């Protein structure tokens, strides 16, 4: 990365860094991440999150390691609908494999080598019997034996350790009140922990780029409803998506703010998903991340970040903070995941029954999905509700955009008298008017 790119990335990451401090993230990763040697580099990214003050819970699986031990004993692998059937011998294999993986993870998180991303790292790892489990029982006539599911998460103990600055490591073993041990699924432990902790993020790291549509396009964002609809419409989707996507949807419905599906094979995927606008995986939220609403005084700073570059370039008339604050009731903003990405203003002229649409701005990163048209429709609705019959706009550079959306070029004399008096003849803005009838 060259210097300008590095500086730009740091500036873009700054809001996320502030927002993530003190937040709780649950990161779920399968045993293949450790088996294939990828956890060592992932450790660097986990260390960075810890150093930024993120409260971290890491949930690890051990499926390939358990499979290997079962096969070493000459036994067949036994699964029912993707869930392992755990008899007493398999449970012994699971305990050995999970213990081995946990120790490997703890050793890598304990690194603090000089001249490495772990230099001066001080990650304290806490593990224990935080999960109370119960048997899954008989499913479709199949006795799953020592395969269990989460009954309760000890959030008091977890929060105590997280508040003390420790990273909590959860394994896929659970314990019953009677002392029995159960083999649990990674997705169940991770989802249950995230929901119980009211986590800000649940991140599933698996072997795919995220949710991909039939045309091969990565779906960066889905609501829980859209996730459900995708699974119904695409029954042939790969097994991992069918496994993790419902858990992501269930988590956000039960209070987790965001769930992410990320490719663990992509170096730095965790950081790119968390600290860039679009990310590199699929993010699932309960509701749409984008809202169009009336602006408040708290939005002015974000609006100025959009407006000022266009004022400097002469595209927009200079307004300044004081004027925007005074007229904030005339503005609407388009917000994406807490970030202001668009704004527009309406100025009614009651005597002429005309309204001006002004200061229509969309962030450069979000100009490819008709958001400008969305703001236009919003202004049209507001204008009609105010009894206006025509909408006008002044522009120096976007004439075609207005014509394509039903505006017709007009003259200065067609403007309301109050606006004619304020017309800037040096800018020579073109006038476009649209009827709001019908």
Protein backbone atom coordinates (compact mmCIF):
# COMPACT_ATOMS: atom_id res chain seq x y z
CA UNK A 1 0.00 0.00 0.00
CA UNK A 2 1.45 3.38 -0.98
CA UNK A 3 1.39 6.38 1.34
CA UNK A 4 -1.80 8.09 0.06
CA UNK A 5 -3.75 4.80 0.22
CA UNK A 6 -2.46 4.13 3.72
CA UNK A 7 -3.42 7.60 4.93
CA UNK A 8 -6.87 7.34 3.33
CA UNK A 9 -7.46 3.91 4.89
CA UNK A 10 -6.49 5.19 8.34
CA UNK A 11 -8.86 8.12 8.02
CA UNK A 12 -11.72 5.90 6.88
CA UNK A 13 -11.04 3.45 9.71
CA UNK A 14 -11.01 6.13 12.43
CA UNK A 15 -14.82 6.28 12.93
CA UNK A 16 -14.97 2.50 13.29
CA UNK A 17 -12.11 2.49 15.78
CA UNK A 18 -13.99 4.97 17.97
CA UNK A 19 -17.27 3.06 17.57
CA UNK A 20 -15.79 -0.36 18.41
CA UNK A 21 -14.04 0.56 21.67
CA UNK A 22 -15.76 -1.25 24.53
CA UNK A 23 -18.00 -3.25 22.20
CA UNK A 24 -18.42 -7.02 22.38
CA UNK A 25 -17.51 -9.18 19.36
CA UNK A 26 -18.00 -12.94 19.15
CA UNK A 27 -15.70 -14.53 16.55
CA UNK A 28 -16.47 -18.11 15.48
CA UNK A 29 -13.93 -20.17 13.55
CA UNK A 30 -13.76 -23.82 12.60
CA UNK A 31 -10.98 -26.25 13.43
CA UNK A 32 -9.70 -26.08 9.85
CA UNK A 33 -8.37 -22.57 10.54
CA UNK A 34 -5.98 -24.03 13.11
CA UNK A 35 -5.31 -27.23 11.17
CA UNK A 36 -4.27 -25.35 8.02
CA UNK A 37 -2.03 -22.90 9.88
CA UNK A 38 -4.15 -19.80 9.22
CA UNK A 39 -4.81 -18.94 12.84
CA UNK A 40 -1.28 -17.60 13.30
CA UNK A 41 -1.99 -14.62 11.00
CA UNK A 42 -5.54 -14.27 12.32
CA UNK A 43 -3.93 -13.88 15.75
CA UNK A 44 -2.38 -10.60 14.58
CA UNK A 45 -5.79 -9.20 13.71
CA UNK A 46 -7.33 -10.40 16.97
CA UNK A 47 -4.47 -8.73 18.83
CA UNK A 48 -5.17 -5.46 17.01
CA UNK A 49 -8.85 -5.60 17.99
CA UNK A 50 -7.90 -6.31 21.60
CA UNK A 51 -5.49 -3.36 21.61
CA UNK A 52 -8.32 -1.11 20.39
CA UNK A 53 -10.41 -2.01 23.40
CA UNK A 54 -12.80 -4.51 21.79
CA UNK A 55 -14.22 -7.12 24.18
CA UNK A 56 -13.51 -10.41 22.43
CA UNK A 57 -15.02 -13.87 22.67
CA UNK A 58 -13.47 -16.45 20.35
CA UNK A 59 -15.40 -19.66 19.75
CA UNK A 60 -13.45 -22.47 18.11
CA UNK A 61 -14.55 -25.71 16.56
CA UNK A 62 -12.56 -28.90 15.98
CA UNK A 63 -14.53 -30.89 13.41
CA UNK A 64 -11.59 -31.96 11.20
CA UNK A 65 -9.48 -32.83 14.25
CA UNK A 66 -12.30 -34.95 15.71
CA UNK A 67 -12.85 -36.63 12.34
CA UNK A 68 -9.16 -37.52 12.18
CA UNK A 69 -9.18 -39.11 15.65
CA UNK A 70 -12.36 -41.07 14.93
CA UNK A 71 -10.90 -42.41 11.71
CA UNK A 72 -7.62 -43.31 13.45
CA UNK A 73 -9.69 -45.66 15.60
CA UNK A 74 -11.05 -47.30 12.47
CA UNK A 75 -14.56 -45.96 13.02
CA UNK A 76 -16.97 -44.52 10.48
CA UNK A 77 -17.92 -40.85 10.64
CA UNK A 78 -21.58 -40.60 11.63
CA UNK A 79 -23.54 -37.45 10.83
CA UNK A 80 -27.25 -36.69 10.68
CA UNK A 81 -28.20 -33.57 8.71
CA UNK A 82 -24.74 -32.11 9.25
CA UNK A 83 -24.69 -32.81 13.01
CA UNK A 84 -22.32 -35.40 14.44
CA UNK A 85 -23.80 -38.41 16.19
CA UNK A 86 -21.60 -38.63 19.30
CA UNK A 87 -21.31 -41.98 21.00
CA UNK A 88 -19.03 -42.56 24.00
CA UNK A 89 -15.95 -43.31 21.88
CA UNK A 90 -16.56 -40.28 19.65
CA UNK A 91 -17.03 -38.11 22.74
CA UNK A 92 -13.61 -39.19 23.97
CA UNK A 93 -12.14 -38.26 20.58
CA UNK A 94 -13.94 -34.90 20.73
CA UNK A 95 -12.57 -34.07 24.18
CA UNK A 96 -9.01 -34.90 23.09
CA UNK A 97 -9.24 -32.98 19.82
CA UNK A 98 -10.96 -29.92 21.32
CA UNK A 99 -8.40 -29.81 24.12
CA UNK A 100 -5.55 -29.94 21.63
CA UNK A 101 -7.02 -27.15 19.47
CA UNK A 102 -7.68 -24.97 22.50
CA UNK A 103 -4.08 -25.32 23.68
CA UNK A 104 -2.77 -24.43 20.20
CA UNK A 105 -4.96 -21.33 20.09
CA UNK A 106 -3.89 -20.25 23.57
CA UNK A 107 -0.23 -20.68 22.66
CA UNK A 108 -0.56 -18.50 19.55
CA UNK A 109 -2.47 -15.82 21.46
CA UNK A 110 0.33 -15.79 24.03
CA UNK A 111 3.00 -14.78 21.50
CA UNK A 112 4.78 -11.47 22.06
CA UNK A 113 7.79 -11.73 19.76
CA UNK A 114 9.74 -8.58 19.02
CA UNK A 115 9.60 -7.23 15.46
CA UNK A 116 6.27 -8.96 14.84
CA UNK A 117 2.62 -7.83 14.94
CA UNK A 118 2.43 -9.49 18.37
CA UNK A 119 5.25 -7.42 19.86
CA UNK A 120 4.30 -6.20 23.34
CA UNK A 121 1.00 -8.05 23.12
CA UNK A 122 -0.55 -8.84 26.45
CA UNK A 123 -3.59 -10.96 25.67
CA UNK A 124 -4.84 -12.84 28.70
CA UNK A 125 -6.97 -15.80 27.68
CA UNK A 126 -9.76 -17.10 29.87
CA UNK A 127 -11.44 -20.47 29.32
CA UNK A 128 -13.80 -22.45 31.49
CA UNK A 129 -17.17 -24.10 31.96
CA UNK A 130 -19.25 -21.15 30.80
CA UNK A 131 -21.72 -23.28 28.82
CA UNK A 132 -24.44 -25.39 30.38
CA UNK A 133 -25.66 -28.00 27.89
CA UNK A 134 -28.42 -30.50 27.44
CA UNK A 135 -28.75 -33.47 25.06
CA UNK A 136 -30.21 -32.93 21.60
CA UNK A 137 -31.97 -36.23 22.11
CA UNK A 138 -33.62 -38.14 19.29
CA UNK A 139 -34.05 -36.34 15.97
CA UNK A 140 -35.89 -37.98 13.07
CA UNK A 141 -35.56 -41.30 14.85
CA UNK A 142 -31.79 -40.90 15.30
CA UNK A 143 -30.41 -40.86 18.85
CA UNK A 144 -27.67 -38.24 18.82
CA UNK A 145 -26.45 -39.52 22.21
CA UNK A 146 -23.72 -37.19 23.57
CA UNK A 147 -24.38 -34.49 21.01
CA UNK A 148 -25.85 -31.57 22.89
CA UNK A 149 -27.15 -28.04 22.56
CA UNK A 150 -26.67 -24.93 24.63
CA UNK A 151 -29.05 -24.63 27.56
CA UNK A 152 -27.53 -21.60 29.29
CA UNK A 153 -24.58 -19.21 28.96
CA UNK A 154 -22.98 -17.91 32.16
CA UNK A 155 -23.01 -14.26 31.15
CA UNK A 156 -22.10 -13.06 34.65
CA UNK A 157 -18.81 -14.95 34.56
CA UNK A 158 -18.14 -14.01 30.94
CA UNK A 159 -18.74 -10.30 31.52
CA UNK A 160 -16.54 -10.38 34.61
CA UNK A 161 -13.62 -11.64 32.53
CA UNK A 162 -14.33 -9.37 29.59
CA UNK A 163 -14.55 -6.35 31.88
CA UNK A 164 -11.17 -7.37 33.28
CA UNK A 165 -9.64 -7.14 29.82
CA UNK A 166 -9.42 -10.87 29.14
CA UNK A 167 -10.15 -12.60 25.85
CA UNK A 168 -12.63 -15.41 26.47
CA UNK A 169 -12.05 -18.65 24.57
CA UNK A 170 -15.09 -20.91 24.23
CA UNK A 171 -14.84 -24.52 23.08
CA UNK A 172 -17.60 -26.70 21.70
CA UNK A 173 -18.01 -28.70 24.89
CA UNK A 174 -20.83 -28.15 27.34
CA UNK A 175 -21.59 -29.56 30.76
CA UNK A 176 -24.90 -30.57 32.31
CA UNK A 177 -25.87 -29.91 35.95
CA UNK A 178 -25.43 -33.64 36.54
CA UNK A 179 -21.81 -33.56 35.33
CA UNK A 180 -22.30 -35.02 31.85
CA UNK A 181 -20.21 -33.74 28.96
CA UNK A 182 -21.76 -32.95 25.59
CA UNK A 183 -20.29 -32.28 22.16
CA UNK A 184 -21.84 -29.07 20.79
CA UNK A 185 -21.88 -27.42 17.39
CA UNK A 186 -19.77 -24.34 16.71
CA UNK A 187 -22.69 -22.33 15.37
CA UNK A 188 -24.86 -23.09 18.39
CA UNK A 189 -22.21 -22.04 20.92
CA UNK A 190 -21.31 -18.88 19.00
CA UNK A 191 -24.90 -17.79 18.38
CA UNK A 192 -26.00 -18.54 21.95
CA UNK A 193 -23.03 -16.66 23.42
CA UNK A 194 -23.57 -13.64 21.16
CA UNK A 195 -27.27 -13.45 22.01
CA UNK A 196 -26.70 -13.92 25.75
CA UNK A 197 -24.01 -11.22 25.81
CA UNK A 198 -26.06 -8.87 23.61
CA UNK A 199 -22.99 -8.72 21.40
CA UNK A 200 -22.48 -5.95 18.90
CA UNK A 201 -21.11 -8.36 16.32
CA UNK A 202 -21.15 -12.08 15.62
CA UNK A 203 -18.53 -13.02 13.03
CA UNK A 204 -18.54 -16.45 11.38
CA UNK A 205 -15.23 -17.18 9.64
CA UNK A 206 -15.67 -19.97 7.12
CA UNK A 207 -14.38 -21.14 3.76
CA UNK A 208 -16.37 -18.89 1.40
CA UNK A 209 -16.47 -15.22 0.48
CA UNK A 210 -19.95 -14.79 1.95
CA UNK A 211 -23.39 -15.14 0.41
CA UNK A 212 -23.21 -15.14 -3.38
CA UNK A 213 -26.26 -14.77 -5.62
CA UNK A 214 -26.93 -17.08 -8.62
CA UNK A 215 -25.09 -14.62 -10.89
CA UNK A 216 -21.96 -14.93 -8.75
CA UNK A 217 -22.24 -11.50 -7.15
CA UNK A 218 -21.34 -11.17 -3.47
CA UNK A 219 -24.25 -9.88 -1.40
CA UNK A 220 -22.59 -7.44 0.99
CA UNK A 221 -25.71 -6.79 3.06
CA UNK A 222 -28.86 -8.73 3.90
CA UNK A 223 -31.65 -8.22 6.38
CA UNK A 224 -32.81 -11.23 8.38
CA UNK A 225 -35.89 -11.49 6.17
CA UNK A 226 -33.78 -11.31 3.00
CA UNK A 227 -31.54 -14.07 4.39
CA UNK A 228 -34.57 -16.29 4.92
CA UNK A 229 -35.85 -15.54 1.42
CA UNK A 230 -32.44 -16.26 -0.11
CA UNK A 231 -32.30 -19.71 1.47
CA UNK A 232 -35.79 -20.58 0.21
CA UNK A 233 -35.05 -19.32 -3.30
CA UNK A 234 -31.64 -21.04 -3.49
CA UNK A 235 -32.01 -24.59 -2.10
CA UNK A 236 -28.75 -25.70 -3.75
CA UNK A 237 -26.61 -23.18 -1.88
CA UNK A 238 -23.45 -24.66 -0.35
CA UNK A 239 -23.67 -26.41 3.01
CA UNK A 240 -21.74 -23.77 4.96
CA UNK A 241 -24.10 -20.98 3.90
CA UNK A 242 -27.08 -23.16 4.74
CA UNK A 243 -25.53 -23.76 8.15
CA UNK A 244 -24.36 -20.28 9.14
CA UNK A 245 -26.78 -17.89 7.42
CA UNK A 246 -29.83 -19.00 9.49
CA UNK A 247 -27.75 -18.57 12.65
CA UNK A 248 -26.79 -15.06 11.57
CA UNK A 249 -30.45 -14.20 10.94
CA UNK A 250 -31.52 -15.72 14.25
CA UNK A 251 -28.82 -13.82 16.13
CA UNK A 252 -29.82 -10.38 14.83
CA UNK A 253 -33.50 -11.10 15.48
CA UNK A 254 -32.60 -11.88 19.09
CA UNK A 255 -30.65 -8.70 19.75
CA UNK A 256 -27.19 -9.03 18.19
CA UNK A 257 -26.62 -5.84 16.23
CA UNK A 258 -24.76 -7.30 13.25
CA UNK A 259 -23.72 -10.75 12.06
CA UNK A 260 -21.03 -11.31 9.43
CA UNK A 261 -19.99 -14.21 7.21
CA UNK A 262 -16.30 -13.87 6.25
CA UNK A 263 -13.81 -15.97 4.30
CA UNK A 264 -11.06 -17.13 6.67
CA UNK A 265 -8.84 -17.93 3.67
CA UNK A 266 -8.48 -14.24 2.78
CA UNK A 267 -5.60 -12.69 4.69
CA UNK A 268 -6.81 -9.68 6.64
CA UNK A 269 -10.49 -10.45 5.94
CA UNK A 270 -11.47 -9.72 9.53
CA UNK A 271 -9.98 -6.22 9.45
CA UNK A 272 -11.27 -5.44 5.96
CA UNK A 273 -14.78 -6.47 6.95
CA UNK A 274 -14.73 -4.36 10.08
CA UNK A 275 -12.81 -1.26 8.97
CA UNK A 276 -13.88 -0.60 5.37
CA UNK A 277 -17.16 0.75 3.98
CA UNK A 278 -18.20 -2.28 1.92
CA UNK A 279 -16.30 -5.03 3.71
CA UNK A 280 -15.35 -8.30 2.05
CA UNK A 281 -18.08 -10.62 3.30
CA UNK A 282 -21.82 -10.59 3.95
CA UNK A 283 -23.30 -8.57 6.81
CA UNK A 284 -26.72 -9.48 8.20
CA UNK A 285 -28.84 -7.00 10.16
CA UNK A 286 -32.32 -7.16 11.62
CA UNK A 287 -33.60 -4.24 9.56
CA UNK A 288 -32.25 -2.40 6.57
CA UNK A 289 -29.03 -0.54 7.33
CA UNK A 290 -30.22 2.42 5.30
CA UNK A 291 -32.79 4.94 6.45
CA UNK A 292 -34.12 8.15 4.96
CA UNK A 293 -35.29 10.61 7.60
CA UNK A 294 -35.56 14.25 8.50
CA UNK A 295 -32.26 15.76 9.60
CA UNK A 296 -31.46 16.85 13.15
CA UNK A 297 -28.85 19.23 14.51
CA UNK A 298 -26.65 16.24 15.35
CA UNK A 299 -26.38 15.43 11.62
CA UNK A 300 -24.79 18.73 10.60
CA UNK A 301 -21.20 17.50 10.98
CA UNK A 302 -21.82 14.52 8.71
CA UNK A 303 -23.69 16.69 6.20
CA UNK A 304 -20.81 19.15 6.00
CA UNK A 305 -18.42 16.33 5.16
CA UNK A 306 -20.58 15.64 2.10
CA UNK A 307 -21.28 19.23 1.13
CA UNK A 308 -17.96 21.02 1.60
CA UNK A 309 -15.98 19.23 -1.18
CA UNK A 310 -18.71 20.18 -3.67
CA UNK A 311 -18.77 23.76 -2.40
CA UNK A 312 -15.00 23.95 -2.85
CA UNK A 313 -15.38 22.65 -6.42
CA UNK A 314 -18.07 25.22 -7.19
CA UNK A 315 -20.76 22.59 -7.74
CA UNK A 316 -22.83 23.77 -4.77
CA UNK A 317 -23.48 27.26 -3.44
CA UNK A 318 -21.68 27.88 -0.15
CA UNK A 319 -23.97 27.50 2.85
CA UNK A 320 -21.84 27.11 5.96
CA UNK A 321 -22.62 25.46 9.27
CA UNK A 322 -24.62 28.36 10.72
CA UNK A 323 -27.08 28.52 7.81
CA UNK A 324 -27.56 24.74 7.74
CA UNK A 325 -28.18 24.65 11.48
CA UNK A 326 -30.72 27.46 11.18
CA UNK A 327 -32.55 25.68 8.35
CA UNK A 328 -32.04 22.09 9.57
CA UNK A 329 -35.83 21.48 9.51
CA UNK A 330 -35.70 21.78 5.72
CA UNK A 331 -33.14 18.98 5.29
CA UNK A 332 -33.45 15.23 5.04
CA UNK A 333 -30.57 12.76 5.29
CA UNK A 334 -29.88 9.28 4.00
CA UNK A 335 -28.10 7.27 6.68
CA UNK A 336 -26.26 4.00 6.13
CA UNK A 337 -25.28 2.04 9.24
CA UNK A 338 -24.93 5.23 11.28
CA UNK A 339 -23.09 7.20 8.58
CA UNK A 340 -24.63 10.12 6.67
CA UNK A 341 -24.26 9.24 2.96
CA UNK A 342 -26.74 11.67 1.41
CA UNK A 343 -28.74 14.80 2.04
CA UNK A 344 -31.25 17.07 0.35
CA UNK A 345 -33.15 20.25 1.23
CA UNK A 346 -36.57 21.58 0.34
CA UNK A 347 -37.46 25.28 0.32
CA UNK A 348 -41.19 25.99 -0.19
CA UNK A 349 -42.52 29.19 -1.73
CA UNK A 350 -46.15 29.20 -0.65
CA UNK A 351 -47.35 32.15 -2.74
CA UNK A 352 -46.21 30.45 -5.96
CA UNK A 353 -47.06 26.95 -4.75
CA UNK A 354 -43.54 25.97 -5.82
CA UNK A 355 -40.75 24.29 -3.87
CA UNK A 356 -37.03 24.25 -4.52
CA UNK A 357 -35.02 21.07 -4.21
CA UNK A 358 -31.51 22.05 -3.17
CA UNK A 359 -28.28 20.60 -1.85
CA UNK A 360 -28.87 17.11 -3.29
CA UNK A 361 -25.66 15.24 -2.44
CA UNK A 362 -24.71 11.56 -2.35
CA UNK A 363 -21.39 10.27 -1.00
CA UNK A 364 -19.15 9.13 -3.92
CA UNK A 365 -19.00 5.56 -2.59
CA UNK A 366 -22.81 5.23 -2.75
CA UNK A 367 -23.76 6.76 -6.09
CA UNK A 368 -24.41 3.55 -7.99
CA UNK A 369 -27.83 2.48 -6.67
CA UNK A 370 -30.29 5.30 -7.53
CA UNK A 371 -30.06 6.93 -4.12
CA UNK A 372 -30.32 10.34 -5.73
CA UNK A 373 -33.66 9.31 -7.21
CA UNK A 374 -34.71 8.08 -3.76
CA UNK A 375 -34.02 11.54 -2.32
CA UNK A 376 -35.87 13.16 -5.22
CA UNK A 377 -39.00 11.07 -4.57
CA UNK A 378 -38.77 11.97 -0.89
CA UNK A 379 -38.66 15.70 -1.70
CA UNK A 380 -41.57 15.33 -4.12
CA UNK A 381 -43.66 13.72 -1.37
CA UNK A 382 -42.78 16.46 1.11
CA UNK A 383 -43.60 19.13 -1.46
CA UNK A 384 -47.02 17.62 -2.20
CA UNK A 385 -47.77 17.37 1.52
CA UNK A 386 -47.07 21.12 1.76
CA UNK A 387 -49.54 21.86 -1.05
CA UNK A 388 -46.91 22.59 -3.69
CA UNK A 389 -47.76 21.92 -7.34
CA UNK A 390 -44.31 22.34 -8.90
CA UNK A 391 -40.74 21.49 -7.92
CA UNK A 392 -37.75 23.37 -9.28
CA UNK A 393 -33.98 23.02 -9.06
CA UNK A 394 -30.98 25.11 -10.11
CA UNK A 395 -27.92 23.32 -11.45
CA UNK A 396 -24.71 24.05 -13.31
CA UNK A 397 -23.55 20.51 -14.10
CA UNK A 398 -26.32 17.91 -13.86
CA UNK A 399 -28.87 19.03 -16.44
CA UNK A 400 -29.31 15.59 -17.99
CA UNK A 401 -30.05 13.97 -14.63
CA UNK A 402 -33.00 16.31 -14.08
CA UNK A 403 -34.32 15.96 -17.63
CA UNK A 404 -34.23 12.16 -17.34
CA UNK A 405 -36.45 12.44 -14.24
CA UNK A 406 -39.23 14.53 -15.68
CA UNK A 407 -37.91 18.06 -15.26
CA UNK A 408 -38.12 20.55 -18.12
CA UNK A 409 -35.73 23.43 -18.63
CA UNK A 410 -37.28 26.80 -17.84
CA UNK A 411 -36.20 30.41 -17.55
CA UNK A 412 -35.34 32.58 -14.60
CA UNK A 413 -38.66 34.39 -15.05
CA UNK A 414 -40.47 31.14 -14.19
CA UNK A 415 -39.04 31.12 -10.68
CA UNK A 416 -40.90 32.48 -7.63
CA UNK A 417 -40.30 36.21 -7.24
CA UNK A 418 -38.38 35.70 -3.99
CA UNK A 419 -36.02 33.29 -5.72
CA UNK A 420 -35.60 35.51 -8.78
CA UNK A 421 -34.28 38.28 -6.51
CA UNK A 422 -31.66 35.90 -5.10
CA UNK A 423 -30.56 34.45 -8.44
CA UNK A 424 -26.77 34.52 -8.89
CA UNK A 425 -26.08 35.68 -12.45
CA UNK A 426 -22.37 34.89 -12.08
CA UNK A 427 -23.07 31.18 -11.53
CA UNK A 428 -25.53 31.14 -14.47
CA UNK A 429 -27.32 28.10 -13.06
CA UNK A 430 -29.89 26.48 -15.34
CA UNK A 431 -33.48 26.28 -14.14
CA UNK A 432 -35.46 23.03 -14.24
CA UNK A 433 -39.09 22.65 -13.21
CA UNK A 434 -41.26 19.56 -12.71
CA UNK A 435 -45.02 19.37 -12.26
CA UNK A 436 -46.15 17.52 -9.16
CA UNK A 437 -49.72 16.98 -10.31
CA UNK A 438 -50.99 13.47 -10.86
